[in-house]
Amino acid sequence: MRTIRVHVVPNAKIAKIVREPGEAIKIKVKAPAKEGKANAALPSFLSEKLNLPQRAIILARGERSRDKVVRIDGLGEEEVRRRSLARV
């Protein structure tokens, strides 16, 4: 089980991983920030990118912030970064 830092940008035209500002991975999601929709879209997007079941990705911190900490079960930090940034 590893945690990664992500910076989420809601209301994007296309959901994608943009770059790594510092330690965090910048991720754009289509969902708005209202009513937790962007928080719900993040695990779904990451599960698709990392080829993991959605239940393996849990929002650990940052429910009300754009800067979040996500817990990922089943992969090490280096493998998460490699898989997520492979198609940027």
Protein backbone atom coordinates (compact mmCIF):
# COMPACT_ATOMS: atom_id res chain seq x y z
CA MET A 1 0.00 0.00 0.00
CA ARG A 2 1.47 3.33 -1.11
CA THR A 3 0.32 6.91 -1.01
CA ILE A 4 0.87 9.46 -3.72
CA ARG A 5 0.25 13.18 -3.77
CA VAL A 6 -1.96 14.51 -6.52
CA HIS A 7 -3.07 17.98 -7.52
CA VAL A 8 -6.56 17.78 -9.04
CA VAL A 9 -7.93 20.27 -11.55
CA PRO A 10 -11.74 19.90 -11.85
CA ASN A 11 -13.96 20.94 -14.79
CA ALA A 12 -11.41 19.99 -17.45
CA LYS A 13 -12.45 19.35 -21.04
CA ILE A 14 -10.46 16.10 -21.08
CA ALA A 15 -9.53 13.89 -18.13
CA LYS A 16 -5.78 13.34 -18.22
CA ILE A 17 -2.52 13.41 -16.32
CA VAL A 18 -0.70 16.60 -17.19
CA ARG A 19 2.64 16.73 -15.39
CA GLU A 20 4.37 16.43 -12.04
CA PRO A 21 4.63 19.75 -10.19
CA GLY A 22 7.16 18.90 -7.49
CA GLU A 23 6.18 15.69 -5.73
CA ALA A 24 2.52 15.76 -6.77
CA ILE A 25 1.07 14.37 -9.99
CA LYS A 26 -1.24 16.89 -11.67
CA ILE A 27 -4.50 15.31 -12.84
CA LYS A 28 -7.33 16.95 -14.74
CA VAL A 29 -10.82 15.49 -14.31
CA LYS A 30 -14.01 16.37 -16.17
CA ALA A 31 -16.20 16.39 -13.06
CA PRO A 32 -16.93 19.63 -11.19
CA ALA A 33 -15.66 20.21 -7.67
CA LYS A 34 -19.20 20.55 -6.33
CA GLU A 35 -20.86 17.83 -4.25
CA GLY A 36 -17.76 15.62 -4.25
CA LYS A 37 -18.03 14.77 -7.95
CA ALA A 38 -14.35 15.42 -8.65
CA ASN A 39 -13.40 13.28 -5.63
CA ALA A 40 -15.53 10.45 -7.03
CA ALA A 41 -14.05 10.84 -10.53
CA LEU A 42 -10.44 10.66 -9.32
CA PRO A 43 -10.37 6.98 -8.21
CA SER A 44 -12.26 5.98 -11.32
CA PHE A 45 -9.77 7.77 -13.57
CA LEU A 46 -6.74 6.41 -11.71
CA SER A 47 -8.05 2.85 -11.74
CA GLU A 48 -8.33 3.03 -15.52
CA LYS A 49 -4.85 4.55 -15.95
CA LEU A 50 -3.14 2.19 -13.50
CA ASN A 51 -5.07 -0.90 -14.59
CA LEU A 52 -6.26 -1.60 -11.05
CA PRO A 53 -9.71 -2.23 -9.56
CA GLN A 54 -11.33 0.97 -8.32
CA ARG A 55 -11.56 -0.42 -4.77
CA ALA A 56 -7.72 -0.39 -4.63
CA ILE A 57 -7.66 3.42 -4.85
CA ILE A 58 -8.78 5.39 -1.80
CA LEU A 59 -8.77 9.13 -1.15
CA ALA A 60 -6.80 9.34 2.11
CA ARG A 61 -6.66 13.13 2.59
CA GLY A 62 -7.73 16.33 0.90
CA GLU A 63 -11.46 15.86 0.41
CA ARG A 64 -11.99 19.64 0.30
CA SER A 65 -8.68 20.59 -1.32
CA ARG A 66 -7.20 20.32 -4.78
CA ASP A 67 -4.08 18.84 -3.19
CA LYS A 68 -4.89 15.28 -2.19
CA VAL A 69 -3.22 12.15 -0.90
CA VAL A 70 -4.39 8.94 -2.55
CA ARG A 71 -3.72 5.47 -1.14
CA ILE A 72 -3.10 2.79 -3.75
CA ASP A 73 -3.11 -0.86 -2.75
CA GLY A 74 -1.09 -3.33 -4.80
CA LEU A 75 1.59 -1.10 -6.36
CA GLY A 76 4.76 0.57 -5.17
CA GLU A 77 5.29 4.32 -5.58
CA GLU A 78 7.72 3.97 -8.48
CA GLU A 79 5.35 1.64 -10.34
CA VAL A 80 2.46 4.08 -9.80
CA ARG A 81 4.49 6.96 -11.23
CA ARG A 82 5.74 4.86 -14.15
CA ARG A 83 2.25 3.66 -15.10
CA SER A 84 0.53 7.00 -14.60
CA LEU A 85 3.10 9.02 -16.51
CA ALA A 86 3.71 6.46 -19.27
CA ARG A 87 0.95 7.90 -21.45
CA VAL A 88 1.31 11.61 -20.67
